[in-house]
């Protein structure tokens, strides 16, 4: 029983990490804190009122007139996105953006009345998330701005989520039991070092091969053991497999299917646990009891 628990542990830990990260990072229904910089105080007041009201109080807007105060604010307070004018006496919006990018990847929108193509292109080439023009049609303008902010926040949070999941997965993948990842066409697309060590093969030799080729069970050569077993009511989870060096290994295996956002199967993760030593120890113990 302990060997089975050890087999499941690494994969369960990884899935728990993913669930926690997904729950904690993608909270688009929580308050979005916006830092708005503009030298026009009247426009700051209008923007704050419209964004907070028309977003259903989803947005919380903090307004300042001096871009030179941004650095200290970002160090003291968390903001989800920055909304900045371009032409300001102390510093233009793009200079502010370049300064912030030296220490933060917070999303940044230039929101200005200056309609000059060269500035727009420069802003987008530098990497600002959007360059929006102020409009005289106030209500329409702010509904559009709200949608843009939501889209940018979702995209940014998704990037954070994927990076965090990737980091956690890499840590667990490289220190856990033997693991391999298989696509929907039964091709092996990734394995860890523990897998290569157990089955005594090099990674470059394995990748691209079919899952039933390396290693393959004695009882169902040239058929995918996963597909065969999943058609049964009580699928087997233990196999006697043959390595490329024709060595026989008893292995406990757990299969976790992977699905895309549409619920379609895109592959699976297989975790292995070498039960050969366990069986040999049990066999010796049984023989001792008989004598």
Protein backbone atom coordinates (compact mmCIF):
# COMPACT_ATOMS: atom_id res chain seq x y z
CA UNK A 1 0.00 0.00 0.00
CA UNK A 2 2.84 2.39 0.81
CA UNK A 3 4.32 2.02 -2.68
CA UNK A 4 0.98 3.03 -4.21
CA UNK A 5 0.75 6.06 -1.90
CA UNK A 6 4.26 7.10 -2.90
CA UNK A 7 3.28 6.76 -6.55
CA UNK A 8 0.27 9.06 -6.18
CA UNK A 9 1.89 11.64 -3.94
CA UNK A 10 3.92 13.63 -6.49
CA UNK A 11 1.06 13.96 -8.96
CA UNK A 12 -1.48 14.89 -6.29
CA UNK A 13 0.86 17.58 -4.96
CA UNK A 14 1.23 19.02 -8.46
CA UNK A 15 -2.53 19.07 -9.03
CA UNK A 16 -3.11 20.73 -5.66
CA UNK A 17 -0.58 23.43 -6.56
CA UNK A 18 -2.41 24.05 -9.84
CA UNK A 19 -5.79 24.30 -8.11
CA UNK A 20 -4.51 26.74 -5.50
CA UNK A 21 -2.76 28.88 -8.11
CA UNK A 22 -5.82 28.95 -10.36
CA UNK A 23 -8.06 29.92 -7.45
CA UNK A 24 -5.72 32.61 -6.11
CA UNK A 25 -4.46 34.21 -9.33
CA UNK A 26 -7.49 34.41 -11.61
CA UNK A 27 -9.74 36.54 -9.42
CA UNK A 28 -11.16 38.95 -11.97
CA UNK A 29 -14.19 39.49 -9.68
CA UNK A 30 -11.98 40.97 -6.96
CA UNK A 31 -11.25 44.71 -6.80
CA UNK A 32 -8.97 45.99 -9.59
CA UNK A 33 -6.74 48.78 -8.30
CA UNK A 34 -5.89 51.40 -10.95
CA UNK A 35 -3.23 54.09 -10.67
CA UNK A 36 -4.19 57.02 -12.93
CA UNK A 37 -1.64 59.76 -13.72
CA UNK A 38 -2.70 62.95 -15.51
CA UNK A 39 -1.86 66.64 -15.04
CA UNK A 40 -5.52 67.57 -15.66
CA UNK A 41 -7.22 67.35 -12.25
CA UNK A 42 -10.72 67.72 -13.70
CA UNK A 43 -10.16 64.80 -16.05
CA UNK A 44 -8.79 62.72 -13.16
CA UNK A 45 -12.02 63.31 -11.23
CA UNK A 46 -14.21 62.43 -14.21
CA UNK A 47 -12.23 59.28 -14.94
CA UNK A 48 -12.34 58.09 -11.34
CA UNK A 49 -16.09 58.65 -11.09
CA UNK A 50 -16.92 56.98 -14.42
CA UNK A 51 -14.62 53.96 -14.04
CA UNK A 52 -15.72 53.15 -10.52
CA UNK A 53 -19.43 53.67 -11.24
CA UNK A 54 -19.65 52.03 -14.66
CA UNK A 55 -17.56 49.03 -13.57
CA UNK A 56 -20.05 48.28 -10.80
CA UNK A 57 -17.43 49.23 -8.20
CA UNK A 58 -15.10 46.55 -9.55
CA UNK A 59 -12.49 49.27 -10.13
CA UNK A 60 -10.80 51.34 -7.44
CA UNK A 61 -9.01 54.35 -8.96
CA UNK A 62 -6.15 56.20 -7.25
CA UNK A 63 -5.42 59.52 -8.99
CA UNK A 64 -2.23 61.63 -8.99
CA UNK A 65 -1.04 64.59 -11.07
CA UNK A 66 2.73 64.17 -10.77
CA UNK A 67 4.39 61.16 -12.48
CA UNK A 68 7.50 61.65 -10.33
CA UNK A 69 5.53 60.23 -7.39
CA UNK A 70 4.80 56.93 -9.12
CA UNK A 71 7.95 55.08 -8.02
CA UNK A 72 7.34 55.62 -4.32
CA UNK A 73 3.64 54.74 -4.68
CA UNK A 74 4.37 51.44 -6.42
CA UNK A 75 6.80 50.49 -3.67
CA UNK A 76 4.24 51.17 -0.95
CA UNK A 77 0.94 50.16 -2.56
CA UNK A 78 -0.25 47.33 -4.81
CA UNK A 79 -1.84 48.34 -8.12
CA UNK A 80 -3.09 46.05 -10.88
CA UNK A 81 -2.70 48.45 -13.80
CA UNK A 82 -1.47 51.96 -14.64
CA UNK A 83 -3.39 54.49 -16.72
CA UNK A 84 -1.19 57.40 -17.79
CA UNK A 85 -1.45 60.57 -19.84
CA UNK A 86 1.30 61.20 -22.39
CA UNK A 87 2.04 64.95 -22.22
CA UNK A 88 2.78 66.00 -18.63
CA UNK A 89 5.10 68.80 -17.43
CA UNK A 90 7.35 66.69 -15.21
CA UNK A 91 7.70 63.60 -17.43
CA UNK A 92 5.97 62.22 -20.52
CA UNK A 93 4.04 58.96 -20.34
CA UNK A 94 6.54 56.89 -22.31
CA UNK A 95 9.47 57.99 -20.17
CA UNK A 96 7.41 56.99 -17.15
CA UNK A 97 6.70 53.61 -18.73
CA UNK A 98 10.39 52.93 -19.45
CA UNK A 99 11.30 53.87 -15.90
CA UNK A 100 8.69 51.52 -14.40
CA UNK A 101 9.72 48.65 -16.66
CA UNK A 102 13.13 48.62 -14.99
CA UNK A 103 11.56 47.05 -11.90
CA UNK A 104 7.96 46.05 -12.65
CA UNK A 105 5.87 44.38 -15.38
CA UNK A 106 2.59 45.97 -14.24
CA UNK A 107 0.21 46.50 -17.21
CA UNK A 108 0.40 50.04 -18.60
CA UNK A 109 -2.10 51.97 -20.75
CA UNK A 110 -1.38 55.37 -22.31
CA UNK A 111 -4.63 57.36 -22.16
CA UNK A 112 -4.09 60.69 -23.90
CA UNK A 113 -5.57 63.35 -26.14
CA UNK A 114 -2.50 63.41 -28.42
CA UNK A 115 -3.26 61.70 -31.72
CA UNK A 116 0.15 61.40 -33.37
CA UNK A 117 1.03 58.27 -35.27
CA UNK A 118 4.74 58.37 -34.43
CA UNK A 119 4.00 58.48 -30.69
CA UNK A 120 1.46 55.68 -30.96
CA UNK A 121 3.95 53.47 -32.83
CA UNK A 122 6.71 54.30 -30.38
CA UNK A 123 4.47 53.39 -27.45
CA UNK A 124 3.43 50.05 -28.91
CA UNK A 125 7.01 49.21 -29.92
CA UNK A 126 8.15 49.90 -26.37
CA UNK A 127 5.59 47.40 -25.11
CA UNK A 128 2.74 49.41 -23.58
CA UNK A 129 -0.41 47.32 -23.36
CA UNK A 130 -2.56 49.85 -25.19
CA UNK A 131 -2.61 53.44 -26.50
CA UNK A 132 -6.06 55.00 -26.18
CA UNK A 133 -7.27 58.43 -27.24
CA UNK A 134 -9.48 60.57 -25.03
CA UNK A 135 -12.87 61.16 -26.59
CA UNK A 136 -15.51 63.85 -26.25
CA UNK A 137 -18.16 61.12 -26.06
CA UNK A 138 -17.56 60.46 -22.36
CA UNK A 139 -19.86 57.49 -21.63
CA UNK A 140 -18.91 55.50 -24.74
CA UNK A 141 -15.24 56.17 -24.09
CA UNK A 142 -15.33 54.82 -20.55
CA UNK A 143 -17.32 51.69 -21.35
CA UNK A 144 -14.67 50.88 -23.95
CA UNK A 145 -11.88 51.64 -21.48
CA UNK A 146 -13.44 49.35 -18.86
CA UNK A 147 -13.50 46.46 -21.32
CA UNK A 148 -9.88 47.09 -22.35
CA UNK A 149 -8.72 47.14 -18.72
CA UNK A 150 -10.55 43.89 -17.91
CA UNK A 151 -9.07 42.15 -20.95
CA UNK A 152 -5.54 43.30 -20.13
CA UNK A 153 -5.87 42.22 -16.48
CA UNK A 154 -7.16 38.78 -17.48
CA UNK A 155 -4.32 38.30 -19.94
CA UNK A 156 -1.70 39.45 -17.43
CA UNK A 157 -3.06 37.23 -14.66
CA UNK A 158 -3.17 34.27 -17.01
CA UNK A 159 0.50 34.81 -17.84
CA UNK A 160 1.30 34.84 -14.12
CA UNK A 161 -0.74 31.67 -13.60
CA UNK A 162 1.00 29.80 -16.41
CA UNK A 163 4.43 30.85 -15.18
CA UNK A 164 3.65 29.78 -11.61
CA UNK A 165 2.22 26.43 -12.74
CA UNK A 166 5.23 25.87 -14.98
CA UNK A 167 7.63 26.58 -12.12
CA UNK A 168 5.80 24.31 -9.68
CA UNK A 169 5.43 21.56 -12.25
CA UNK A 170 9.13 21.73 -13.14
CA UNK A 171 10.12 21.43 -9.48
CA UNK A 172 7.90 18.42 -8.85
CA UNK A 173 8.57 16.87 -12.25
CA UNK A 174 12.32 16.82 -11.63
CA UNK A 175 12.32 15.43 -8.08
CA UNK A 176 9.41 12.97 -8.12
CA UNK A 177 8.79 9.40 -9.23
CA UNK A 178 9.35 8.40 -12.86
CA UNK A 179 6.91 10.42 -15.01
CA UNK A 180 6.16 10.66 -18.71
CA UNK A 181 3.70 12.86 -20.60
CA UNK A 182 1.86 11.52 -23.63
CA UNK A 183 -0.15 13.41 -26.27
CA UNK A 184 -3.50 12.33 -27.71
CA UNK A 185 -1.76 10.35 -30.45
CA UNK A 186 0.12 8.23 -27.90
CA UNK A 187 3.44 9.97 -28.58
CA UNK A 188 5.82 10.43 -25.64
CA UNK A 189 6.47 14.18 -25.48
CA UNK A 190 8.30 14.51 -22.13
CA UNK A 191 9.95 12.34 -19.46
CA UNK A 192 11.90 13.15 -16.32
CA UNK A 193 15.32 11.88 -15.23
CA UNK A 194 13.78 9.37 -12.82
CA UNK A 195 11.95 7.74 -15.72
CA UNK A 196 15.14 7.42 -17.77
CA UNK A 197 16.91 5.93 -14.78
CA UNK A 198 14.20 3.35 -14.04
CA UNK A 199 13.91 2.10 -17.61
CA UNK A 200 17.61 2.63 -18.43
CA UNK A 201 17.15 4.70 -21.57
CA UNK A 202 18.29 8.13 -22.74
CA UNK A 203 15.74 10.91 -23.04
CA UNK A 204 16.52 11.63 -26.69
CA UNK A 205 15.85 7.96 -27.52
CA UNK A 206 12.41 8.06 -25.88
CA UNK A 207 10.86 11.31 -27.09
CA UNK A 208 8.63 10.88 -30.12
CA UNK A 209 8.17 7.14 -29.59
CA UNK A 210 4.75 5.62 -28.98
CA UNK A 211 3.78 5.06 -25.35
CA UNK A 212 3.44 1.31 -25.89
CA UNK A 213 6.91 0.97 -27.41
CA UNK A 214 9.07 2.10 -24.47
CA UNK A 215 8.62 0.30 -22.20
CA UNK A 216 5.91 -2.09 -23.36
CA UNK A 217 3.96 -4.64 -21.31
CA UNK A 218 4.53 -8.31 -22.06
CA UNK A 219 0.84 -9.02 -22.40
CA UNK A 220 -0.14 -6.41 -25.01
CA UNK A 221 2.68 -5.61 -27.39
CA UNK A 222 1.91 -3.09 -30.15
CA UNK A 223 -1.26 -1.87 -28.40
CA UNK A 224 -1.54 1.07 -26.08
CA UNK A 225 -1.94 -0.45 -22.59
CA UNK A 226 -3.85 2.60 -21.40
CA UNK A 227 -6.52 2.35 -24.10
CA UNK A 228 -6.82 -1.40 -23.56
CA UNK A 229 -7.27 -1.07 -19.81
CA UNK A 230 -9.64 1.91 -19.90
CA UNK A 231 -12.17 -0.23 -21.76
CA UNK A 232 -12.36 -2.52 -18.71
CA UNK A 233 -14.44 -1.94 -15.61
CA UNK A 234 -11.49 -2.67 -13.34
CA UNK A 235 -8.40 -1.46 -15.19
CA UNK A 236 -5.10 -3.00 -14.19
CA UNK A 237 -2.56 -0.58 -12.77
CA UNK A 238 0.45 -2.87 -12.54
CA UNK A 239 2.48 -4.13 -15.47
CA UNK A 240 5.48 -6.29 -16.10
CA UNK A 241 7.32 -4.24 -18.70
CA UNK A 242 10.34 -4.86 -20.90
CA UNK A 243 13.03 -2.19 -21.27
CA UNK A 244 14.91 -1.58 -24.55
CA UNK A 245 17.70 -3.71 -23.05
CA UNK A 246 15.19 -6.57 -22.74
CA UNK A 247 15.13 -6.41 -18.94
CA UNK A 248 11.89 -7.17 -17.14
CA UNK A 249 10.59 -4.66 -14.56
CA UNK A 250 7.42 -4.83 -12.49
CA UNK A 251 5.95 -1.34 -12.36
CA UNK A 252 2.94 0.22 -10.68
CA UNK A 253 1.45 2.91 -12.93
CA UNK A 254 -1.08 5.69 -12.41
CA UNK A 255 -2.62 7.48 -15.39
CA UNK A 256 -4.14 10.98 -15.20
CA UNK A 257 -5.92 12.23 -18.30
CA UNK A 258 -5.35 15.80 -19.54
CA UNK A 259 -8.16 17.87 -21.07
CA UNK A 260 -8.37 21.21 -22.84
CA UNK A 261 -10.89 23.97 -22.03
CA UNK A 262 -13.50 22.26 -24.23
CA UNK A 263 -13.26 19.03 -22.25
CA UNK A 264 -11.47 17.20 -25.05
CA UNK A 265 -8.76 14.69 -24.13
CA UNK A 266 -5.34 15.97 -25.21
CA UNK A 267 -3.09 13.40 -23.54
CA UNK A 268 -2.16 12.04 -20.15
CA UNK A 269 0.46 11.99 -17.41
CA UNK A 270 1.78 8.60 -16.32
CA UNK A 271 3.51 8.07 -12.98
CA UNK A 272 5.51 4.91 -12.32
CA UNK A 273 6.71 3.10 -9.23
CA UNK A 274 9.18 0.23 -9.47
CA UNK A 275 7.65 -2.71 -7.57
CA UNK A 276 10.31 -5.25 -8.58
CA UNK A 277 12.32 -4.80 -5.37
CA UNK A 278 9.14 -4.91 -3.31
CA UNK A 279 8.09 -8.18 -4.93
CA UNK A 280 11.54 -9.69 -4.52
CA UNK A 281 11.59 -8.78 -0.82
CA UNK A 282 8.14 -10.30 -0.35
CA UNK A 283 9.20 -13.46 -2.19
CA UNK A 284 12.24 -13.88 0.07
CA UNK A 285 10.07 -13.34 3.14
CA UNK A 286 7.54 -15.93 1.94
CA UNK A 287 10.29 -18.47 1.35
CA UNK A 288 11.69 -17.83 4.83
CA UNK A 289 8.29 -18.50 6.37
CA UNK A 290 7.99 -21.78 4.45
CA UNK A 291 11.38 -23.00 5.72
